[in-house]
Amino acid sequence: MADTTKIKTVIEPYVRGWLSKQFPGHIFEEKSVELATGKNYAFDAVAEDGSIVAAILCNRAVTRTGRENTGGVRKALVELGYLKAVAAGVEKVMVFTDDGFCHLIQRRARRLGTGPIQMMVCPLLPALGVLLKEILDKASREQRAAE
């Protein structure tokens, strides 16, 4: 199975640091947040005071073979649902590492309504972009081999 731990240990911390620059005075960490439903959900980036909650999406719009990334779209729409369930008054953000995937989700989410959820693209450093591409390509190859 493809080792995707570097997404959690390298890519996401970089994105959280980038978010701190977009929202000066805030430090972000992965943290569980209580939803309006009464359940908790672990978000990828939550400001220390809980005023900003973000989901980090490291997917791309198309798979290695050129097909639309339907699995990534499903995951993003689920994240959108969790963000919508965060209490009113909290700033809600979806952060993408791929501009094309951000645009795809904006189109797909129109029918669901994104409300006050802000969508941002975090440009990765070239070395991080290469690392992420390698991870996603390996996972894609393994998934196709299993089909």
C-alpha atoms as a PDB file:
ATOM      1  CA  MET A   1       0.000   0.000   0.000  1.00  0.00           C
ATOM      2  CA  ALA A   2       1.280   3.458  -0.885  1.00  0.00           C
ATOM      3  CA  ASP A   3       2.803   5.293   2.049  1.00  0.00           C
ATOM      4  CA  THR A   4       0.775   8.488   2.310  1.00  0.00           C
ATOM      5  CA  THR A   5       2.052   9.426   5.785  1.00  0.00           C
ATOM      6  CA  LYS A   6       4.197  12.202   4.295  1.00  0.00           C
ATOM      7  CA  ILE A   7       1.004  14.000   3.330  1.00  0.00           C
ATOM      8  CA  LYS A   8       0.194  14.206   7.070  1.00  0.00           C
ATOM      9  CA  THR A   9       3.756  14.734   8.276  1.00  0.00           C
ATOM     10  CA  VAL A  10       5.205  17.022   5.576  1.00  0.00           C
ATOM     11  CA  ILE A  11       2.542  18.527   3.282  1.00  0.00           C
ATOM     12  CA  GLU A  12      -0.185  19.331   5.823  1.00  0.00           C
ATOM     13  CA  PRO A  13       2.208  21.026   8.303  1.00  0.00           C
ATOM     14  CA  TYR A  14       3.451  23.199   5.425  1.00  0.00           C
ATOM     15  CA  VAL A  15      -0.139  24.136   4.547  1.00  0.00           C
ATOM     16  CA  ARG A  16      -0.902  24.934   8.201  1.00  0.00           C
ATOM     17  CA  GLY A  17       2.125  27.260   8.247  1.00  0.00           C
ATOM     18  CA  TRP A  18       0.884  28.892   5.047  1.00  0.00           C
ATOM     19  CA  LEU A  19      -2.552  29.341   6.658  1.00  0.00           C
ATOM     20  CA  SER A  20      -0.901  31.120   9.592  1.00  0.00           C
ATOM     21  CA  LYS A  21       0.436  33.653   7.095  1.00  0.00           C
ATOM     22  CA  GLN A  22      -3.016  34.088   5.512  1.00  0.00           C
ATOM     23  CA  PHE A  23      -4.582  34.590   8.957  1.00  0.00           C
ATOM     24  CA  PRO A  24      -1.902  36.494  10.918  1.00  0.00           C
ATOM     25  CA  GLY A  25      -1.908  35.920  14.644  1.00  0.00           C
ATOM     26  CA  HIS A  26      -3.255  32.379  14.361  1.00  0.00           C
ATOM     27  CA  ILE A  27      -1.472  29.070  14.725  1.00  0.00           C
ATOM     28  CA  PHE A  28      -3.143  26.017  13.219  1.00  0.00           C
ATOM     29  CA  GLU A  29      -3.109  22.401  14.308  1.00  0.00           C
ATOM     30  CA  GLU A  30      -5.038  19.241  13.539  1.00  0.00           C
ATOM     31  CA  LYS A  31      -7.821  19.155  16.084  1.00  0.00           C
ATOM     32  CA  SER A  32     -11.255  17.713  16.773  1.00  0.00           C
ATOM     33  CA  VAL A  33     -14.178  20.143  16.651  1.00  0.00           C
ATOM     34  CA  GLU A  34     -17.712  19.666  17.917  1.00  0.00           C
ATOM     35  CA  LEU A  35     -20.271  19.887  15.116  1.00  0.00           C
ATOM     36  CA  ALA A  36     -23.812  21.236  15.284  1.00  0.00           C
ATOM     37  CA  THR A  37     -24.943  17.597  15.264  1.00  0.00           C
ATOM     38  CA  GLY A  38     -23.264  17.041  18.634  1.00  0.00           C
ATOM     39  CA  LYS A  39     -20.622  14.762  17.130  1.00  0.00           C
ATOM     40  CA  ASN A  40     -16.928  15.597  16.783  1.00  0.00           C
ATOM     41  CA  TYR A  41     -14.815  15.626  13.644  1.00  0.00           C
ATOM     42  CA  ALA A  42     -11.020  15.957  13.369  1.00  0.00           C
ATOM     43  CA  PHE A  43     -10.170  18.799  10.994  1.00  0.00           C
ATOM     44  CA  ASP A  44      -6.751  19.218   9.414  1.00  0.00           C
ATOM     45  CA  ALA A  45      -6.272  22.809  10.557  1.00  0.00           C
ATOM     46  CA  VAL A  46      -7.977  24.572  13.453  1.00  0.00           C
ATOM     47  CA  ALA A  47      -6.894  27.948  14.829  1.00  0.00           C
ATOM     48  CA  GLU A  48      -5.738  27.892  18.436  1.00  0.00           C
ATOM     49  CA  ASP A  49      -8.822  29.857  19.519  1.00  0.00           C
ATOM     50  CA  GLY A  50     -11.216  27.797  17.389  1.00  0.00           C
ATOM     51  CA  SER A  51     -12.259  30.813  15.322  1.00  0.00           C
ATOM     52  CA  ILE A  52     -11.106  29.254  12.017  1.00  0.00           C
ATOM     53  CA  VAL A  53     -11.595  25.648  10.910  1.00  0.00           C
ATOM     54  CA  ALA A  54     -10.061  24.312   7.712  1.00  0.00           C
ATOM     55  CA  ALA A  55      -9.962  21.130   5.682  1.00  0.00           C
ATOM     56  CA  ILE A  56      -6.790  20.494   3.685  1.00  0.00           C
ATOM     57  CA  LEU A  57      -7.260  18.681   0.376  1.00  0.00           C
ATOM     58  CA  CYS A  58      -4.153  17.337  -1.348  1.00  0.00           C
ATOM     59  CA  ASN A  59      -5.939  15.710  -4.265  1.00  0.00           C
ATOM     60  CA  ARG A  60      -5.735  16.632  -7.926  1.00  0.00           C
ATOM     61  CA  ALA A  61      -8.531  17.113 -10.441  1.00  0.00           C
ATOM     62  CA  VAL A  62      -7.556  14.191 -12.657  1.00  0.00           C
ATOM     63  CA  THR A  63      -5.961  10.864 -11.952  1.00  0.00           C
ATOM     64  CA  ARG A  64      -2.594   9.792 -13.307  1.00  0.00           C
ATOM     65  CA  THR A  65      -4.447   8.217 -16.247  1.00  0.00           C
ATOM     66  CA  GLY A  66      -6.350  11.418 -17.083  1.00  0.00           C
ATOM     67  CA  ARG A  67      -9.731  10.520 -15.613  1.00  0.00           C
ATOM     68  CA  GLU A  68     -11.640  12.819 -13.286  1.00  0.00           C
ATOM     69  CA  ASN A  69     -10.695  12.085  -9.691  1.00  0.00           C
ATOM     70  CA  THR A  70     -14.105  10.883  -8.522  1.00  0.00           C
ATOM     71  CA  GLY A  71     -12.739   9.510  -5.240  1.00  0.00           C
ATOM     72  CA  GLY A  72     -11.143  12.849  -4.423  1.00  0.00           C
ATOM     73  CA  VAL A  73     -14.363  14.658  -5.345  1.00  0.00           C
ATOM     74  CA  ARG A  74     -16.365  12.418  -2.991  1.00  0.00           C
ATOM     75  CA  LYS A  75     -13.900  13.037  -0.147  1.00  0.00           C
ATOM     76  CA  ALA A  76     -13.975  16.803  -0.737  1.00  0.00           C
ATOM     77  CA  LEU A  77     -17.776  16.909  -0.715  1.00  0.00           C
ATOM     78  CA  VAL A  78     -17.807  14.966   2.562  1.00  0.00           C
ATOM     79  CA  GLU A  79     -15.345  17.501   4.025  1.00  0.00           C
ATOM     80  CA  LEU A  80     -17.614  20.278   2.776  1.00  0.00           C
ATOM     81  CA  GLY A  81     -20.504  18.692   4.671  1.00  0.00           C
ATOM     82  CA  TYR A  82     -18.476  18.567   7.873  1.00  0.00           C
ATOM     83  CA  LEU A  83     -17.465  22.208   7.474  1.00  0.00           C
ATOM     84  CA  LYS A  84     -21.104  23.176   6.963  1.00  0.00           C
ATOM     85  CA  ALA A  85     -21.883  21.441  10.275  1.00  0.00           C
ATOM     86  CA  VAL A  86     -19.394  23.608  12.194  1.00  0.00           C
ATOM     87  CA  ALA A  87     -21.077  26.189  14.425  1.00  0.00           C
ATOM     88  CA  ALA A  88     -22.105  29.539  12.960  1.00  0.00           C
ATOM     89  CA  GLY A  89     -19.642  32.321  13.619  1.00  0.00           C
ATOM     90  CA  VAL A  90     -16.619  30.129  12.938  1.00  0.00           C
ATOM     91  CA  GLU A  91     -14.690  30.948   9.759  1.00  0.00           C
ATOM     92  CA  LYS A  92     -14.691  27.873   7.505  1.00  0.00           C
ATOM     93  CA  VAL A  93     -12.037  27.213   4.880  1.00  0.00           C
ATOM     94  CA  MET A  94     -11.188  24.541   2.335  1.00  0.00           C
ATOM     95  CA  VAL A  95      -7.515  24.666   1.367  1.00  0.00           C
ATOM     96  CA  PHE A  96      -6.431  22.942  -1.829  1.00  0.00           C
ATOM     97  CA  THR A  97      -2.909  22.182  -2.973  1.00  0.00           C
ATOM     98  CA  ASP A  98      -4.080  21.915  -6.595  1.00  0.00           C
ATOM     99  CA  ASP A  99      -5.774  24.816  -8.387  1.00  0.00           C
ATOM    100  CA  GLY A 100      -7.562  22.513 -10.859  1.00  0.00           C
ATOM    101  CA  PHE A 101      -9.018  20.442  -8.022  1.00  0.00           C
ATOM    102  CA  CYS A 102     -10.221  23.621  -6.290  1.00  0.00           C
ATOM    103  CA  HIS A 103     -12.082  24.685  -9.453  1.00  0.00           C
ATOM    104  CA  LEU A 104     -13.556  21.198  -9.870  1.00  0.00           C
ATOM    105  CA  ILE A 105     -14.892  21.190  -6.307  1.00  0.00           C
ATOM    106  CA  GLN A 106     -16.282  24.703  -6.699  1.00  0.00           C
ATOM    107  CA  ARG A 107     -18.270  23.460  -9.706  1.00  0.00           C
ATOM    108  CA  ARG A 108     -19.417  20.249  -8.003  1.00  0.00           C
ATOM    109  CA  ALA A 109     -20.340  22.012  -4.757  1.00  0.00           C
ATOM    110  CA  ARG A 110     -22.558  24.637  -6.408  1.00  0.00           C
ATOM    111  CA  ARG A 111     -25.573  22.364  -6.189  1.00  0.00           C
ATOM    112  CA  LEU A 112     -24.899  21.757  -2.480  1.00  0.00           C
ATOM    113  CA  GLY A 113     -24.190  25.372  -1.653  1.00  0.00           C
ATOM    114  CA  THR A 114     -20.932  26.325  -0.053  1.00  0.00           C
ATOM    115  CA  GLY A 115     -22.391  29.158   1.994  1.00  0.00           C
ATOM    116  CA  PRO A 116     -19.701  31.062   3.805  1.00  0.00           C
ATOM    117  CA  ILE A 117     -16.999  28.455   3.170  1.00  0.00           C
ATOM    118  CA  GLN A 118     -13.906  30.115   1.731  1.00  0.00           C
ATOM    119  CA  MET A 119     -11.914  28.132  -0.832  1.00  0.00           C
ATOM    120  CA  MET A 120      -8.186  28.819  -1.075  1.00  0.00           C
ATOM    121  CA  VAL A 121      -5.255  27.355  -2.983  1.00  0.00           C
ATOM    122  CA  CYS A 122      -1.954  26.929  -1.159  1.00  0.00           C
ATOM    123  CA  PRO A 123       0.890  26.909  -3.679  1.00  0.00           C
ATOM    124  CA  LEU A 124       3.373  24.232  -2.684  1.00  0.00           C
ATOM    125  CA  LEU A 125       7.113  24.670  -2.902  1.00  0.00           C
ATOM    126  CA  PRO A 126       8.421  22.823  -5.992  1.00  0.00           C
ATOM    127  CA  ALA A 127      10.005  20.031  -3.916  1.00  0.00           C
ATOM    128  CA  LEU A 128       6.740  19.485  -2.013  1.00  0.00           C
ATOM    129  CA  GLY A 129       4.799  19.435  -5.275  1.00  0.00           C
ATOM    130  CA  VAL A 130       7.105  16.709  -6.605  1.00  0.00           C
ATOM    131  CA  LEU A 131       6.768  14.720  -3.369  1.00  0.00           C
ATOM    132  CA  LEU A 132       2.969  14.958  -3.447  1.00  0.00           C
ATOM    133  CA  LYS A 133       2.854  13.939  -7.113  1.00  0.00           C
ATOM    134  CA  GLU A 134       5.010  10.870  -6.367  1.00  0.00           C
ATOM    135  CA  ILE A 135       2.759   9.855  -3.463  1.00  0.00           C
ATOM    136  CA  LEU A 136      -0.446  10.311  -5.475  1.00  0.00           C
ATOM    137  CA  ASP A 137       0.986   8.526  -8.539  1.00  0.00           C
ATOM    138  CA  LYS A 138       2.072   5.535  -6.447  1.00  0.00           C
ATOM    139  CA  ALA A 139      -1.332   5.323  -4.774  1.00  0.00           C
ATOM    140  CA  SER A 140      -3.010   5.559  -8.179  1.00  0.00           C
ATOM    141  CA  ARG A 141      -0.868   2.761  -9.629  1.00  0.00           C
ATOM    142  CA  GLU A 142      -1.659   0.510  -6.675  1.00  0.00           C
ATOM    143  CA  GLN A 143      -5.369   1.225  -6.891  1.00  0.00           C
ATOM    144  CA  ARG A 144      -5.458   0.450 -10.611  1.00  0.00           C
ATOM    145  CA  ALA A 145      -3.532  -2.790 -10.031  1.00  0.00           C
ATOM    146  CA  ALA A 146      -6.144  -3.843  -7.461  1.00  0.00           C
ATOM    147  CA  GLU A 147      -9.070  -3.287  -9.832  1.00  0.00           C
END
